[in-house]
Amino acid sequence: MNTALRNPLVYLLFVLPALSLLIAFFLYPLLTAFNNSLTSWNGISRTMTYIGTDNYSRAFQDPLFWRSVRNNLWFVLFSCCVQVPAIIVLALLVAKVKRLKGLYKTAVFLPTMLSTAVVGIVWGFVYHPDLGLLNNLLGSFGIAPVYWLSDRNWAMLAVLITNAWQWAGFYVVMVLAAIVAIPKELDEAAAIDGANGIQRASKITIPLIAPVISVVIMLSIAGAMKAADIVLVMTKGGPAGATDVMATYMIRYAITSFKHGFGSSIAVLICCFTLIIIAVYQSLIAARLGRAEHE
């Protein structure tokens, strides 16, 4: 057994299945998209005309592209600054439940199991200007109806809330699993020393689950950068492009307008921007950890 483990081929055999999937479903499509981004191609014909980086230059000169980038950044900021804190609070509350904990876990995770089409339609009824639950609730306080999905001032916020509601349960389960793994003795000792619930959560629980929270943030960033389905179902990028993101911008050209080469360049840019944002986040975390070690 020890002799076999010293053979590099044994490790290669273990890594090969995962490596094959990575090549087949990530590296090859990425390289193909990059190659297509250098062409003028409608995605159907056999002829592909290479035009170099003209597609990228066209994207950078298009104000509609930069508007979609800005909307993606709104997704990222909302995910990191609103959704993640809400996930942590919700996970802490569920972790403290003594009875029917399984029911609460299921209720929290249920939206994640629904298809985006179902979520978009349900929330479309919630946001309905005349019959929607939200406007009826506001009307009871004498507030005029709000056209949530057709008003440029509210459409993006409505989509962001819906997207957060759909995926929060998935991240809550991750954070909850990390909380459950913390030894109960630490919390009990802090309680004996007189620490209240908020102090125990901020000083013990959250620092111990910081690695999981970091993973949740990176997954949230990646999800925010590729968000498309919820936008297409609820607003189709409207009103007047107010909710258009890079993925819907890409779909409009690659599929609807048969400009596959230009759409591929947007796909490559989405990947690059996502890697840049995650790299910046990781560098900030590394710098913070470095300062903590010096202190």
C-alpha atoms as a PDB file:
ATOM      1  CA  MET A   1       0.000   0.000   0.000  1.00  0.00           C
ATOM      2  CA  ASN A   2       2.771   2.436   0.975  1.00  0.00           C
ATOM      3  CA  THR A   3       4.677   1.599  -2.200  1.00  0.00           C
ATOM      4  CA  ALA A   4       1.607   2.297  -4.308  1.00  0.00           C
ATOM      5  CA  LEU A   5       1.051   5.662  -2.645  1.00  0.00           C
ATOM      6  CA  ARG A   6       4.604   6.679  -3.527  1.00  0.00           C
ATOM      7  CA  ASN A   7       3.790   6.251  -7.217  1.00  0.00           C
ATOM      8  CA  PRO A   8       2.730   9.592  -8.821  1.00  0.00           C
ATOM      9  CA  LEU A   9       0.500   7.678 -11.246  1.00  0.00           C
ATOM     10  CA  VAL A  10      -1.746   6.662  -8.341  1.00  0.00           C
ATOM     11  CA  TYR A  11      -2.401  10.299  -7.483  1.00  0.00           C
ATOM     12  CA  LEU A  12      -2.979  11.038 -11.163  1.00  0.00           C
ATOM     13  CA  LEU A  13      -5.644   8.323 -11.328  1.00  0.00           C
ATOM     14  CA  PHE A  14      -7.480   9.908  -8.402  1.00  0.00           C
ATOM     15  CA  VAL A  15      -7.252  13.395  -9.896  1.00  0.00           C
ATOM     16  CA  LEU A  16      -8.016  12.374 -13.484  1.00  0.00           C
ATOM     17  CA  PRO A  17     -11.854  12.184 -13.208  1.00  0.00           C
ATOM     18  CA  ALA A  18     -12.161  15.658 -11.687  1.00  0.00           C
ATOM     19  CA  LEU A  19      -9.523  17.013 -14.073  1.00  0.00           C
ATOM     20  CA  SER A  20     -11.412  15.575 -17.045  1.00  0.00           C
ATOM     21  CA  LEU A  21     -14.627  17.267 -15.952  1.00  0.00           C
ATOM     22  CA  LEU A  22     -12.766  20.556 -15.443  1.00  0.00           C
ATOM     23  CA  ILE A  23     -11.298  20.399 -18.937  1.00  0.00           C
ATOM     24  CA  ALA A  24     -14.535  19.289 -20.600  1.00  0.00           C
ATOM     25  CA  PHE A  25     -16.934  21.694 -18.914  1.00  0.00           C
ATOM     26  CA  PHE A  26     -14.746  24.716 -18.083  1.00  0.00           C
ATOM     27  CA  LEU A  27     -11.429  25.030 -19.880  1.00  0.00           C
ATOM     28  CA  TYR A  28     -12.595  23.814 -23.293  1.00  0.00           C
ATOM     29  CA  PRO A  29     -15.754  25.986 -23.373  1.00  0.00           C
ATOM     30  CA  LEU A  30     -13.740  28.963 -22.131  1.00  0.00           C
ATOM     31  CA  LEU A  31     -11.084  28.563 -24.808  1.00  0.00           C
ATOM     32  CA  THR A  32     -13.791  28.030 -27.424  1.00  0.00           C
ATOM     33  CA  ALA A  33     -15.594  31.182 -26.330  1.00  0.00           C
ATOM     34  CA  PHE A  34     -12.336  33.139 -26.481  1.00  0.00           C
ATOM     35  CA  ASN A  35     -11.632  31.841 -29.978  1.00  0.00           C
ATOM     36  CA  ASN A  36     -15.161  32.734 -31.106  1.00  0.00           C
ATOM     37  CA  SER A  37     -14.835  36.192 -29.549  1.00  0.00           C
ATOM     38  CA  LEU A  38     -12.132  36.979 -32.099  1.00  0.00           C
ATOM     39  CA  THR A  39     -14.474  36.307 -35.000  1.00  0.00           C
ATOM     40  CA  SER A  40     -17.497  37.750 -36.744  1.00  0.00           C
ATOM     41  CA  TRP A  41     -19.814  34.743 -36.665  1.00  0.00           C
ATOM     42  CA  ASN A  42     -23.569  34.292 -36.509  1.00  0.00           C
ATOM     43  CA  GLY A  43     -23.325  30.975 -34.647  1.00  0.00           C
ATOM     44  CA  ILE A  44     -24.911  28.991 -37.503  1.00  0.00           C
ATOM     45  CA  SER A  45     -22.820  29.213 -40.661  1.00  0.00           C
ATOM     46  CA  ARG A  46     -19.591  27.299 -41.132  1.00  0.00           C
ATOM     47  CA  THR A  47     -17.598  30.373 -42.085  1.00  0.00           C
ATOM     48  CA  MET A  48     -15.949  32.381 -39.320  1.00  0.00           C
ATOM     49  CA  THR A  49     -14.199  35.640 -40.147  1.00  0.00           C
ATOM     50  CA  TYR A  50     -11.419  36.533 -37.742  1.00  0.00           C
ATOM     51  CA  ILE A  51     -11.512  40.203 -36.778  1.00  0.00           C
ATOM     52  CA  GLY A  52      -9.078  40.260 -33.848  1.00  0.00           C
ATOM     53  CA  THR A  53     -10.135  42.296 -30.824  1.00  0.00           C
ATOM     54  CA  ASP A  54     -12.782  44.356 -32.631  1.00  0.00           C
ATOM     55  CA  ASN A  55     -15.562  42.773 -30.572  1.00  0.00           C
ATOM     56  CA  TYR A  56     -13.882  43.840 -27.342  1.00  0.00           C
ATOM     57  CA  SER A  57     -13.335  47.364 -28.649  1.00  0.00           C
ATOM     58  CA  ARG A  58     -16.985  47.540 -29.636  1.00  0.00           C
ATOM     59  CA  ALA A  59     -18.083  46.413 -26.190  1.00  0.00           C
ATOM     60  CA  PHE A  60     -15.877  48.930 -24.382  1.00  0.00           C
ATOM     61  CA  GLN A  61     -17.239  51.734 -26.557  1.00  0.00           C
ATOM     62  CA  ASP A  62     -20.872  50.778 -26.002  1.00  0.00           C
ATOM     63  CA  PRO A  63     -22.533  52.718 -23.136  1.00  0.00           C
ATOM     64  CA  LEU A  64     -25.179  49.986 -22.877  1.00  0.00           C
ATOM     65  CA  PHE A  65     -22.450  47.491 -22.009  1.00  0.00           C
ATOM     66  CA  TRP A  66     -21.154  49.701 -19.206  1.00  0.00           C
ATOM     67  CA  ARG A  67     -24.701  50.112 -17.941  1.00  0.00           C
ATOM     68  CA  SER A  68     -24.976  46.344 -17.713  1.00  0.00           C
ATOM     69  CA  VAL A  69     -21.630  46.248 -15.867  1.00  0.00           C
ATOM     70  CA  ARG A  70     -22.960  48.814 -13.384  1.00  0.00           C
ATOM     71  CA  ASN A  71     -26.087  46.732 -12.819  1.00  0.00           C
ATOM     72  CA  ASN A  72     -23.937  43.662 -12.182  1.00  0.00           C
ATOM     73  CA  LEU A  73     -22.006  45.648  -9.597  1.00  0.00           C
ATOM     74  CA  TRP A  74     -25.328  46.429  -7.912  1.00  0.00           C
ATOM     75  CA  PHE A  75     -25.930  42.684  -7.736  1.00  0.00           C
ATOM     76  CA  VAL A  76     -22.494  42.170  -6.165  1.00  0.00           C
ATOM     77  CA  LEU A  77     -22.909  44.981  -3.627  1.00  0.00           C
ATOM     78  CA  PHE A  78     -26.392  43.853  -2.636  1.00  0.00           C
ATOM     79  CA  SER A  79     -25.202  40.260  -2.243  1.00  0.00           C
ATOM     80  CA  CYS A  80     -22.188  41.175  -0.104  1.00  0.00           C
ATOM     81  CA  CYS A  81     -23.613  44.056   1.937  1.00  0.00           C
ATOM     82  CA  VAL A  82     -27.256  42.997   2.400  1.00  0.00           C
ATOM     83  CA  GLN A  83     -27.742  39.343   1.537  1.00  0.00           C
ATOM     84  CA  VAL A  84     -24.700  37.910   3.353  1.00  0.00           C
ATOM     85  CA  PRO A  85     -25.367  39.743   6.677  1.00  0.00           C
ATOM     86  CA  ALA A  86     -29.018  38.639   6.500  1.00  0.00           C
ATOM     87  CA  ILE A  87     -27.863  35.055   5.858  1.00  0.00           C
ATOM     88  CA  ILE A  88     -25.601  35.124   8.915  1.00  0.00           C
ATOM     89  CA  VAL A  89     -28.351  36.509  11.149  1.00  0.00           C
ATOM     90  CA  LEU A  90     -30.878  33.983   9.849  1.00  0.00           C
ATOM     91  CA  ALA A  91     -28.453  31.087  10.347  1.00  0.00           C
ATOM     92  CA  LEU A  92     -27.730  32.225  13.916  1.00  0.00           C
ATOM     93  CA  LEU A  93     -31.457  32.381  14.664  1.00  0.00           C
ATOM     94  CA  VAL A  94     -32.166  28.947  13.206  1.00  0.00           C
ATOM     95  CA  ALA A  95     -29.192  27.491  15.120  1.00  0.00           C
ATOM     96  CA  LYS A  96     -30.758  28.661  18.411  1.00  0.00           C
ATOM     97  CA  VAL A  97     -34.107  27.008  17.705  1.00  0.00           C
ATOM     98  CA  LYS A  98     -34.781  24.124  20.076  1.00  0.00           C
ATOM     99  CA  ARG A  99     -37.983  22.678  18.634  1.00  0.00           C
ATOM    100  CA  LEU A 100     -38.974  21.964  15.019  1.00  0.00           C
ATOM    101  CA  LYS A 101     -35.493  22.882  13.776  1.00  0.00           C
ATOM    102  CA  GLY A 102     -35.917  20.604  10.757  1.00  0.00           C
ATOM    103  CA  LEU A 103     -39.083  22.465   9.784  1.00  0.00           C
ATOM    104  CA  TYR A 104     -37.292  25.807   9.894  1.00  0.00           C
ATOM    105  CA  LYS A 105     -34.387  24.435   7.855  1.00  0.00           C
ATOM    106  CA  THR A 106     -36.786  23.138   5.220  1.00  0.00           C
ATOM    107  CA  ALA A 107     -38.706  26.417   5.132  1.00  0.00           C
ATOM    108  CA  VAL A 108     -35.507  28.403   4.674  1.00  0.00           C
ATOM    109  CA  PHE A 109     -34.139  26.085   1.976  1.00  0.00           C
ATOM    110  CA  LEU A 110     -37.434  25.694   0.075  1.00  0.00           C
ATOM    111  CA  PRO A 111     -37.020  28.760  -2.253  1.00  0.00           C
ATOM    112  CA  THR A 112     -33.706  27.365  -3.497  1.00  0.00           C
ATOM    113  CA  MET A 113     -35.457  24.209  -4.720  1.00  0.00           C
ATOM    114  CA  LEU A 114     -37.907  26.211  -6.826  1.00  0.00           C
ATOM    115  CA  SER A 115     -37.112  26.974 -10.446  1.00  0.00           C
ATOM    116  CA  THR A 116     -36.302  30.549 -11.339  1.00  0.00           C
ATOM    117  CA  ALA A 117     -39.376  30.705 -13.566  1.00  0.00           C
ATOM    118  CA  VAL A 118     -41.619  29.842 -10.614  1.00  0.00           C
ATOM    119  CA  VAL A 119     -39.854  32.336  -8.346  1.00  0.00           C
ATOM    120  CA  GLY A 120     -40.118  35.091 -10.961  1.00  0.00           C
ATOM    121  CA  ILE A 121     -43.819  34.468 -11.563  1.00  0.00           C
ATOM    122  CA  VAL A 122     -44.648  34.321  -7.844  1.00  0.00           C
ATOM    123  CA  TRP A 123     -42.794  37.546  -7.108  1.00  0.00           C
ATOM    124  CA  GLY A 124     -44.331  39.084 -10.202  1.00  0.00           C
ATOM    125  CA  PHE A 125     -47.702  38.653  -8.481  1.00  0.00           C
ATOM    126  CA  VAL A 126     -46.253  40.079  -5.260  1.00  0.00           C
ATOM    127  CA  TYR A 127     -45.060  43.169  -7.147  1.00  0.00           C
ATOM    128  CA  HIS A 128     -48.261  43.543  -9.204  1.00  0.00           C
ATOM    129  CA  PRO A 129     -49.277  47.243  -9.094  1.00  0.00           C
ATOM    130  CA  ASP A 130     -52.986  46.556  -8.530  1.00  0.00           C
ATOM    131  CA  LEU A 131     -53.354  43.072  -7.074  1.00  0.00           C
ATOM    132  CA  GLY A 132     -49.934  42.543  -5.537  1.00  0.00           C
ATOM    133  CA  LEU A 133     -49.482  41.727  -1.871  1.00  0.00           C
ATOM    134  CA  LEU A 134     -46.844  44.420  -1.422  1.00  0.00           C
ATOM    135  CA  ASN A 135     -48.945  47.276  -2.819  1.00  0.00           C
ATOM    136  CA  ASN A 136     -51.988  46.092  -0.871  1.00  0.00           C
ATOM    137  CA  LEU A 137     -49.880  46.223   2.269  1.00  0.00           C
ATOM    138  CA  LEU A 138     -48.653  49.715   1.429  1.00  0.00           C
ATOM    139  CA  GLY A 139     -52.201  50.769   0.592  1.00  0.00           C
ATOM    140  CA  SER A 140     -53.316  49.922   4.118  1.00  0.00           C
ATOM    141  CA  PHE A 141     -50.979  52.702   5.271  1.00  0.00           C
ATOM    142  CA  GLY A 142     -52.296  55.131   2.663  1.00  0.00           C
ATOM    143  CA  ILE A 143     -49.263  54.819   0.361  1.00  0.00           C
ATOM    144  CA  ALA A 144     -49.947  55.059  -3.384  1.00  0.00           C
ATOM    145  CA  PRO A 145     -49.269  51.938  -5.510  1.00  0.00           C
ATOM    146  CA  VAL A 146     -45.707  51.514  -6.733  1.00  0.00           C
ATOM    147  CA  TYR A 147     -44.981  50.065 -10.178  1.00  0.00           C
ATOM    148  CA  TRP A 148     -42.144  47.913  -8.923  1.00  0.00           C
ATOM    149  CA  LEU A 149     -41.146  46.210 -12.171  1.00  0.00           C
ATOM    150  CA  SER A 150     -41.921  49.010 -14.612  1.00  0.00           C
ATOM    151  CA  ASP A 151     -40.424  51.943 -12.705  1.00  0.00           C
ATOM    152  CA  ARG A 152     -36.728  52.579 -13.355  1.00  0.00           C
ATOM    153  CA  ASN A 153     -36.279  53.677  -9.734  1.00  0.00           C
ATOM    154  CA  TRP A 154     -37.581  50.422  -8.259  1.00  0.00           C
ATOM    155  CA  ALA A 155     -37.122  47.661 -10.832  1.00  0.00           C
ATOM    156  CA  MET A 156     -33.521  46.808  -9.930  1.00  0.00           C
ATOM    157  CA  LEU A 157     -34.257  46.709  -6.204  1.00  0.00           C
ATOM    158  CA  ALA A 158     -37.230  44.420  -6.831  1.00  0.00           C
ATOM    159  CA  VAL A 159     -35.088  41.998  -8.845  1.00  0.00           C
ATOM    160  CA  LEU A 160     -32.300  42.086  -6.250  1.00  0.00           C
ATOM    161  CA  ILE A 161     -34.688  41.216  -3.421  1.00  0.00           C
ATOM    162  CA  THR A 162     -36.205  38.357  -5.407  1.00  0.00           C
ATOM    163  CA  ASN A 163     -32.798  36.944  -6.309  1.00  0.00           C
ATOM    164  CA  ALA A 164     -31.641  37.172  -2.690  1.00  0.00           C
ATOM    165  CA  TRP A 165     -34.811  35.455  -1.462  1.00  0.00           C
ATOM    166  CA  GLN A 166     -34.313  32.581  -3.878  1.00  0.00           C
ATOM    167  CA  TRP A 167     -30.697  31.804  -3.005  1.00  0.00           C
ATOM    168  CA  ALA A 168     -30.427  32.807   0.649  1.00  0.00           C
ATOM    169  CA  GLY A 169     -31.556  29.377   1.842  1.00  0.00           C
ATOM    170  CA  PHE A 170     -28.659  27.617   0.118  1.00  0.00           C
ATOM    171  CA  TYR A 171     -26.117  29.808   1.888  1.00  0.00           C
ATOM    172  CA  VAL A 172     -27.973  29.639   5.195  1.00  0.00           C
ATOM    173  CA  VAL A 173     -27.565  25.855   5.177  1.00  0.00           C
ATOM    174  CA  MET A 174     -23.809  26.252   4.594  1.00  0.00           C
ATOM    175  CA  VAL A 175     -23.410  28.743   7.440  1.00  0.00           C
ATOM    176  CA  LEU A 176     -25.686  26.697   9.691  1.00  0.00           C
ATOM    177  CA  ALA A 177     -23.549  23.596   9.139  1.00  0.00           C
ATOM    178  CA  ALA A 178     -20.471  25.577  10.203  1.00  0.00           C
ATOM    179  CA  ILE A 179     -22.254  26.872  13.316  1.00  0.00           C
ATOM    180  CA  VAL A 180     -23.364  23.382  14.333  1.00  0.00           C
ATOM    181  CA  ALA A 181     -19.752  22.163  14.025  1.00  0.00           C
ATOM    182  CA  ILE A 182     -18.576  24.633  16.690  1.00  0.00           C
ATOM    183  CA  PRO A 183     -18.096  22.889  20.074  1.00  0.00           C
ATOM    184  CA  LYS A 184     -20.961  23.785  22.404  1.00  0.00           C
ATOM    185  CA  GLU A 185     -18.531  24.090  25.293  1.00  0.00           C
ATOM    186  CA  LEU A 186     -17.219  27.391  23.895  1.00  0.00           C
ATOM    187  CA  ASP A 187     -20.670  28.970  23.870  1.00  0.00           C
ATOM    188  CA  GLU A 188     -21.549  27.553  27.275  1.00  0.00           C
ATOM    189  CA  ALA A 189     -18.309  28.836  28.799  1.00  0.00           C
ATOM    190  CA  ALA A 190     -18.947  32.324  27.415  1.00  0.00           C
ATOM    191  CA  ALA A 191     -22.507  32.234  28.781  1.00  0.00           C
ATOM    192  CA  ILE A 192     -21.198  31.284  32.208  1.00  0.00           C
ATOM    193  CA  ASP A 193     -18.799  34.241  32.043  1.00  0.00           C
ATOM    194  CA  GLY A 194     -21.791  36.532  31.524  1.00  0.00           C
ATOM    195  CA  ALA A 195     -21.679  37.106  27.754  1.00  0.00           C
ATOM    196  CA  ASN A 196     -25.086  37.679  26.181  1.00  0.00           C
ATOM    197  CA  GLY A 197     -26.266  36.183  22.895  1.00  0.00           C
ATOM    198  CA  ILE A 198     -25.054  39.063  20.726  1.00  0.00           C
ATOM    199  CA  GLN A 199     -21.623  39.047  22.356  1.00  0.00           C
ATOM    200  CA  ARG A 200     -21.261  35.286  21.936  1.00  0.00           C
ATOM    201  CA  ALA A 201     -22.283  35.516  18.304  1.00  0.00           C
ATOM    202  CA  SER A 202     -19.936  38.423  17.470  1.00  0.00           C
ATOM    203  CA  LYS A 203     -16.934  37.298  19.515  1.00  0.00           C
ATOM    204  CA  ILE A 204     -17.085  33.515  19.182  1.00  0.00           C
ATOM    205  CA  THR A 205     -19.434  32.177  16.519  1.00  0.00           C
ATOM    206  CA  ILE A 206     -18.797  34.576  13.635  1.00  0.00           C
ATOM    207  CA  PRO A 207     -14.956  34.538  13.943  1.00  0.00           C
ATOM    208  CA  LEU A 208     -14.980  30.737  14.002  1.00  0.00           C
ATOM    209  CA  ILE A 209     -17.131  30.471  10.872  1.00  0.00           C
ATOM    210  CA  ALA A 210     -15.243  33.232   9.027  1.00  0.00           C
ATOM    211  CA  PRO A 211     -13.781  30.789   6.434  1.00  0.00           C
ATOM    212  CA  VAL A 212     -17.280  29.590   5.524  1.00  0.00           C
ATOM    213  CA  ILE A 213     -18.535  33.172   5.334  1.00  0.00           C
ATOM    214  CA  SER A 214     -15.652  33.943   2.969  1.00  0.00           C
ATOM    215  CA  VAL A 215     -16.714  31.052   0.724  1.00  0.00           C
ATOM    216  CA  VAL A 216     -20.335  32.292   0.819  1.00  0.00           C
ATOM    217  CA  ILE A 217     -19.200  35.760  -0.249  1.00  0.00           C
ATOM    218  CA  MET A 218     -17.163  34.406  -3.163  1.00  0.00           C
ATOM    219  CA  LEU A 219     -20.060  32.211  -4.296  1.00  0.00           C
ATOM    220  CA  SER A 220     -22.379  35.203  -4.001  1.00  0.00           C
ATOM    221  CA  ILE A 221     -20.037  37.291  -6.159  1.00  0.00           C
ATOM    222  CA  ALA A 222     -19.849  34.563  -8.798  1.00  0.00           C
ATOM    223  CA  GLY A 223     -23.629  34.146  -8.748  1.00  0.00           C
ATOM    224  CA  ALA A 224     -24.197  37.898  -8.994  1.00  0.00           C
ATOM    225  CA  MET A 225     -21.888  38.200 -11.990  1.00  0.00           C
ATOM    226  CA  LYS A 226     -23.682  35.481 -13.963  1.00  0.00           C
ATOM    227  CA  ALA A 227     -27.230  36.469 -12.963  1.00  0.00           C
ATOM    228  CA  ALA A 228     -29.494  36.327 -16.001  1.00  0.00           C
ATOM    229  CA  ASP A 229     -32.434  33.988 -15.539  1.00  0.00           C
ATOM    230  CA  ILE A 230     -34.216  35.986 -12.833  1.00  0.00           C
ATOM    231  CA  VAL A 231     -33.824  39.181 -14.887  1.00  0.00           C
ATOM    232  CA  LEU A 232     -35.160  37.532 -18.044  1.00  0.00           C
ATOM    233  CA  VAL A 233     -38.175  36.092 -16.237  1.00  0.00           C
ATOM    234  CA  MET A 234     -39.119  39.250 -14.341  1.00  0.00           C
ATOM    235  CA  THR A 235     -38.160  42.230 -16.501  1.00  0.00           C
ATOM    236  CA  LYS A 236     -36.275  41.019 -19.610  1.00  0.00           C
ATOM    237  CA  GLY A 237     -33.735  43.741 -18.814  1.00  0.00           C
ATOM    238  CA  GLY A 238     -36.316  46.541 -18.694  1.00  0.00           C
ATOM    239  CA  PRO A 239     -37.677  49.018 -18.125  1.00  0.00           C
ATOM    240  CA  ALA A 240     -35.476  50.750 -20.709  1.00  0.00           C
ATOM    241  CA  GLY A 241     -32.476  48.622 -19.738  1.00  0.00           C
ATOM    242  CA  ALA A 242     -32.647  49.530 -16.035  1.00  0.00           C
ATOM    243  CA  THR A 243     -32.144  45.883 -15.004  1.00  0.00           C
ATOM    244  CA  ASP A 244     -29.995  44.763 -17.921  1.00  0.00           C
ATOM    245  CA  VAL A 245     -26.906  42.844 -16.773  1.00  0.00           C
ATOM    246  CA  MET A 246     -23.916  41.528 -18.693  1.00  0.00           C
ATOM    247  CA  ALA A 247     -25.413  38.058 -19.112  1.00  0.00           C
ATOM    248  CA  THR A 248     -28.687  39.382 -20.585  1.00  0.00           C
ATOM    249  CA  TYR A 249     -26.664  41.790 -22.753  1.00  0.00           C
ATOM    250  CA  MET A 250     -24.697  38.788 -23.999  1.00  0.00           C
ATOM    251  CA  ILE A 251     -27.837  36.724 -24.666  1.00  0.00           C
ATOM    252  CA  ARG A 252     -29.392  39.567 -26.637  1.00  0.00           C
ATOM    253  CA  TYR A 253     -26.513  39.566 -29.112  1.00  0.00           C
ATOM    254  CA  ALA A 254     -25.366  35.931 -29.094  1.00  0.00           C
ATOM    255  CA  ILE A 255     -28.820  34.345 -29.415  1.00  0.00           C
ATOM    256  CA  THR A 256     -31.442  36.934 -30.330  1.00  0.00           C
ATOM    257  CA  SER A 257     -29.356  38.939 -32.823  1.00  0.00           C
ATOM    258  CA  PHE A 258     -27.216  36.015 -34.067  1.00  0.00           C
ATOM    259  CA  LYS A 259     -23.978  37.863 -33.313  1.00  0.00           C
ATOM    260  CA  HIS A 260     -22.280  34.948 -31.667  1.00  0.00           C
ATOM    261  CA  GLY A 261     -18.771  36.348 -31.948  1.00  0.00           C
ATOM    262  CA  PHE A 262     -19.704  39.534 -30.095  1.00  0.00           C
ATOM    263  CA  GLY A 263     -21.706  37.553 -27.533  1.00  0.00           C
ATOM    264  CA  SER A 264     -18.693  35.314 -26.900  1.00  0.00           C
ATOM    265  CA  SER A 265     -16.559  38.378 -26.177  1.00  0.00           C
ATOM    266  CA  ILE A 266     -19.081  39.437 -23.520  1.00  0.00           C
ATOM    267  CA  ALA A 267     -18.937  35.949 -22.017  1.00  0.00           C
ATOM    268  CA  VAL A 268     -15.153  36.203 -21.773  1.00  0.00           C
ATOM    269  CA  LEU A 269     -15.440  39.650 -20.184  1.00  0.00           C
ATOM    270  CA  ILE A 270     -17.901  38.302 -17.606  1.00  0.00           C
ATOM    271  CA  CYS A 271     -15.366  35.639 -16.660  1.00  0.00           C
ATOM    272  CA  CYS A 272     -12.532  38.180 -16.474  1.00  0.00           C
ATOM    273  CA  PHE A 273     -14.493  40.692 -14.399  1.00  0.00           C
ATOM    274  CA  THR A 274     -15.567  37.935 -12.001  1.00  0.00           C
ATOM    275  CA  LEU A 275     -11.979  36.781 -11.523  1.00  0.00           C
ATOM    276  CA  ILE A 276     -10.848  40.376 -10.940  1.00  0.00           C
ATOM    277  CA  ILE A 277     -13.505  41.047  -8.291  1.00  0.00           C
ATOM    278  CA  ILE A 278     -12.784  37.770  -6.483  1.00  0.00           C
ATOM    279  CA  ALA A 279      -9.025  38.462  -6.646  1.00  0.00           C
ATOM    280  CA  VAL A 280      -9.563  41.925  -5.130  1.00  0.00           C
ATOM    281  CA  TYR A 281     -11.717  40.410  -2.389  1.00  0.00           C
ATOM    282  CA  GLN A 282      -9.140  37.733  -1.592  1.00  0.00           C
ATOM    283  CA  SER A 283      -6.335  40.317  -1.501  1.00  0.00           C
ATOM    284  CA  LEU A 284      -8.356  42.395   0.955  1.00  0.00           C
ATOM    285  CA  ILE A 285      -8.923  39.338   3.142  1.00  0.00           C
ATOM    286  CA  ALA A 286      -5.229  38.450   2.983  1.00  0.00           C
ATOM    287  CA  ALA A 287      -4.259  42.007   3.947  1.00  0.00           C
ATOM    288  CA  ARG A 288      -6.698  41.941   6.863  1.00  0.00           C
ATOM    289  CA  LEU A 289      -5.335  38.621   8.088  1.00  0.00           C
ATOM    290  CA  GLY A 290      -1.819  39.997   7.807  1.00  0.00           C
ATOM    291  CA  ARG A 291      -2.710  42.990   9.966  1.00  0.00           C
ATOM    292  CA  ALA A 292      -4.395  40.708  12.494  1.00  0.00           C
ATOM    293  CA  GLU A 293      -1.253  38.572  12.784  1.00  0.00           C
ATOM    294  CA  HIS A 294       0.916  41.649  13.389  1.00  0.00           C
ATOM    295  CA  GLU A 295      -1.472  42.855  16.079  1.00  0.00           C
END
